[in-house]
Amino acid sequence: MTIVSAQRRGSLLGVVDRFWRKSDYRMTVINNDIDVPAIYASTSDGFQVALIVADKGQVHFDVDSPCVRHSEVARSASPATASLDPDAEFIPRPNIHSDFWSASGS
């Protein structure tokens, strides 16, 4: 995951905000909190989307779908293949440097 420095988080949210507005998403909440900035929007077909910057610049993109009919889902036929590094924290941290998004200057 890309490291998004504190100085670049507002820019990231701004880029996403402009794209969502061009896509006719309706902004429902804009949280300008210094530590956990976020934007929330809804689409014309009932989806709710959010971009949240959490601890240490961990960026989350969440989507909630509109109501759908319940359907049965079969259990997985094979076990999960991804494993968590035993030395890693439970929440993965950004670890990829970007000359722009990770920059500490303005």
C-alpha atoms as a PDB file:
ATOM      1  CA  MET A   1       0.000   0.000   0.000  1.00  0.00           C
ATOM      2  CA  THR A   2       1.213   3.474  -0.819  1.00  0.00           C
ATOM      3  CA  ILE A   3       2.318   5.753   2.005  1.00  0.00           C
ATOM      4  CA  VAL A   4       0.160   8.894   1.889  1.00  0.00           C
ATOM      5  CA  SER A   5       1.887  11.544   3.982  1.00  0.00           C
ATOM      6  CA  ALA A   6      -0.096  13.867   6.239  1.00  0.00           C
ATOM      7  CA  GLN A   7       0.730  16.739   3.858  1.00  0.00           C
ATOM      8  CA  ARG A   8      -0.803  14.898   0.866  1.00  0.00           C
ATOM      9  CA  ARG A   9      -3.988  13.471   2.424  1.00  0.00           C
ATOM     10  CA  GLY A  10      -6.054  16.567   1.653  1.00  0.00           C
ATOM     11  CA  SER A  11      -4.906  16.390  -1.977  1.00  0.00           C
ATOM     12  CA  LEU A  12      -5.946  12.750  -2.233  1.00  0.00           C
ATOM     13  CA  LEU A  13      -9.382  13.489  -0.806  1.00  0.00           C
ATOM     14  CA  GLY A  14      -9.702  16.488  -3.151  1.00  0.00           C
ATOM     15  CA  VAL A  15      -8.926  14.383  -6.238  1.00  0.00           C
ATOM     16  CA  VAL A  16     -11.495  11.772  -5.212  1.00  0.00           C
ATOM     17  CA  ASP A  17     -14.079  14.450  -4.315  1.00  0.00           C
ATOM     18  CA  ARG A  18     -13.765  16.093  -7.739  1.00  0.00           C
ATOM     19  CA  PHE A  19     -14.053  12.745  -9.547  1.00  0.00           C
ATOM     20  CA  TRP A  20     -17.095  11.699  -7.528  1.00  0.00           C
ATOM     21  CA  ARG A  21     -18.814  15.043  -8.182  1.00  0.00           C
ATOM     22  CA  LYS A  22     -18.091  14.734 -11.947  1.00  0.00           C
ATOM     23  CA  SER A  23     -19.632  11.257 -11.737  1.00  0.00           C
ATOM     24  CA  ASP A  24     -22.814  12.770 -10.229  1.00  0.00           C
ATOM     25  CA  TYR A  25     -22.237  11.304  -6.770  1.00  0.00           C
ATOM     26  CA  ARG A  26     -23.941  13.292  -4.007  1.00  0.00           C
ATOM     27  CA  MET A  27     -21.579  14.217  -1.174  1.00  0.00           C
ATOM     28  CA  THR A  28     -23.229  13.259   2.116  1.00  0.00           C
ATOM     29  CA  VAL A  29     -20.422  14.015   4.608  1.00  0.00           C
ATOM     30  CA  ILE A  30     -17.048  15.692   4.337  1.00  0.00           C
ATOM     31  CA  ASN A  31     -14.961  15.216   7.464  1.00  0.00           C
ATOM     32  CA  ASN A  32     -12.016  17.639   7.567  1.00  0.00           C
ATOM     33  CA  ASP A  33     -10.591  16.138  10.754  1.00  0.00           C
ATOM     34  CA  ILE A  34      -6.795  16.495  10.926  1.00  0.00           C
ATOM     35  CA  ASP A  35      -6.226  12.914  12.137  1.00  0.00           C
ATOM     36  CA  VAL A  36      -8.977  11.018  10.288  1.00  0.00           C
ATOM     37  CA  PRO A  37     -10.206  12.951   7.235  1.00  0.00           C
ATOM     38  CA  ALA A  38     -12.908  11.306   5.139  1.00  0.00           C
ATOM     39  CA  ILE A  39     -15.502  11.860   2.437  1.00  0.00           C
ATOM     40  CA  TYR A  40     -18.782  10.019   2.041  1.00  0.00           C
ATOM     41  CA  ALA A  41     -21.081  10.043  -0.975  1.00  0.00           C
ATOM     42  CA  SER A  42     -24.064   8.280  -2.497  1.00  0.00           C
ATOM     43  CA  THR A  43     -24.616   7.269  -6.095  1.00  0.00           C
ATOM     44  CA  SER A  44     -27.804   7.621  -8.097  1.00  0.00           C
ATOM     45  CA  ASP A  45     -28.330   3.849  -7.965  1.00  0.00           C
ATOM     46  CA  GLY A  46     -28.163   3.667  -4.160  1.00  0.00           C
ATOM     47  CA  PHE A  47     -24.560   2.772  -3.400  1.00  0.00           C
ATOM     48  CA  GLN A  48     -22.820   4.514  -0.486  1.00  0.00           C
ATOM     49  CA  VAL A  49     -19.083   5.094  -0.909  1.00  0.00           C
ATOM     50  CA  ALA A  50     -16.460   6.398   1.495  1.00  0.00           C
ATOM     51  CA  LEU A  51     -12.774   7.237   1.420  1.00  0.00           C
ATOM     52  CA  ILE A  52     -11.305   7.367   4.924  1.00  0.00           C
ATOM     53  CA  VAL A  53      -7.725   8.127   5.929  1.00  0.00           C
ATOM     54  CA  ALA A  54      -7.056   6.424   9.245  1.00  0.00           C
ATOM     55  CA  ASP A  55      -4.081   5.685  11.474  1.00  0.00           C
ATOM     56  CA  LYS A  56      -0.650   6.311   9.915  1.00  0.00           C
ATOM     57  CA  GLY A  57      -2.220   7.267   6.579  1.00  0.00           C
ATOM     58  CA  GLN A  58      -3.948   3.917   6.075  1.00  0.00           C
ATOM     59  CA  VAL A  59      -6.509   4.689   3.339  1.00  0.00           C
ATOM     60  CA  HIS A  60      -9.800   2.780   3.299  1.00  0.00           C
ATOM     61  CA  PHE A  61     -12.275   2.697   0.433  1.00  0.00           C
ATOM     62  CA  ASP A  62     -15.658   1.373   1.537  1.00  0.00           C
ATOM     63  CA  VAL A  63     -18.732   0.615  -0.549  1.00  0.00           C
ATOM     64  CA  ASP A  64     -22.178  -0.296   0.743  1.00  0.00           C
ATOM     65  CA  SER A  65     -24.590  -1.707  -1.794  1.00  0.00           C
ATOM     66  CA  PRO A  66     -28.290  -0.942  -1.915  1.00  0.00           C
ATOM     67  CA  CYS A  67     -30.726  -3.574  -0.659  1.00  0.00           C
ATOM     68  CA  VAL A  68     -30.681  -6.797  -2.617  1.00  0.00           C
ATOM     69  CA  ARG A  69     -32.531 -10.067  -2.386  1.00  0.00           C
ATOM     70  CA  HIS A  70     -31.026 -12.605   0.001  1.00  0.00           C
ATOM     71  CA  SER A  71     -29.304 -15.503  -1.723  1.00  0.00           C
ATOM     72  CA  GLU A  72     -27.448 -18.517  -0.434  1.00  0.00           C
ATOM     73  CA  VAL A  73     -23.692 -18.529  -0.868  1.00  0.00           C
ATOM     74  CA  ALA A  74     -21.835 -21.825  -0.873  1.00  0.00           C
ATOM     75  CA  ARG A  75     -18.908 -22.291   1.485  1.00  0.00           C
ATOM     76  CA  SER A  76     -15.493 -21.964  -0.093  1.00  0.00           C
ATOM     77  CA  ALA A  77     -14.249 -25.212  -1.608  1.00  0.00           C
ATOM     78  CA  SER A  78     -10.621 -24.414  -0.738  1.00  0.00           C
ATOM     79  CA  PRO A  79      -8.879 -22.885   2.281  1.00  0.00           C
ATOM     80  CA  ALA A  80      -7.567 -19.327   2.187  1.00  0.00           C
ATOM     81  CA  THR A  81      -4.086 -19.057   0.714  1.00  0.00           C
ATOM     82  CA  ALA A  82      -3.088 -15.653   2.060  1.00  0.00           C
ATOM     83  CA  SER A  83      -1.380 -15.642   5.404  1.00  0.00           C
ATOM     84  CA  LEU A  84      -0.456 -12.867   7.775  1.00  0.00           C
ATOM     85  CA  ASP A  85       3.267 -12.408   8.365  1.00  0.00           C
ATOM     86  CA  PRO A  86       3.821 -13.489  11.994  1.00  0.00           C
ATOM     87  CA  ASP A  87       5.927 -10.344  12.592  1.00  0.00           C
ATOM     88  CA  ALA A  88       3.295  -8.031  11.096  1.00  0.00           C
ATOM     89  CA  GLU A  89       0.777  -6.024  13.053  1.00  0.00           C
ATOM     90  CA  PHE A  90      -2.837  -7.059  12.673  1.00  0.00           C
ATOM     91  CA  ILE A  91      -3.540  -4.003  10.525  1.00  0.00           C
ATOM     92  CA  PRO A  92      -1.212  -3.806   7.512  1.00  0.00           C
ATOM     93  CA  ARG A  93       0.594  -0.487   7.269  1.00  0.00           C
ATOM     94  CA  PRO A  94       1.440   1.397   4.085  1.00  0.00           C
ATOM     95  CA  ASN A  95       4.941   0.478   2.944  1.00  0.00           C
ATOM     96  CA  ILE A  96       5.371   1.702  -0.644  1.00  0.00           C
ATOM     97  CA  HIS A  97       6.990   5.096  -1.215  1.00  0.00           C
ATOM     98  CA  SER A  98       5.645   7.418  -3.915  1.00  0.00           C
ATOM     99  CA  ASP A  99       7.611  10.526  -4.852  1.00  0.00           C
ATOM    100  CA  PHE A 100       4.354  12.509  -4.819  1.00  0.00           C
ATOM    101  CA  TRP A 101       1.924  10.876  -2.355  1.00  0.00           C
ATOM    102  CA  SER A 102       4.583  10.080   0.251  1.00  0.00           C
ATOM    103  CA  ALA A 103       6.285  13.480   0.081  1.00  0.00           C
ATOM    104  CA  SER A 104       6.598  15.291   3.389  1.00  0.00           C
ATOM    105  CA  GLY A 105       6.851  18.782   1.863  1.00  0.00           C
ATOM    106  CA  SER A 106       3.961  20.779   0.466  1.00  0.00           C
END
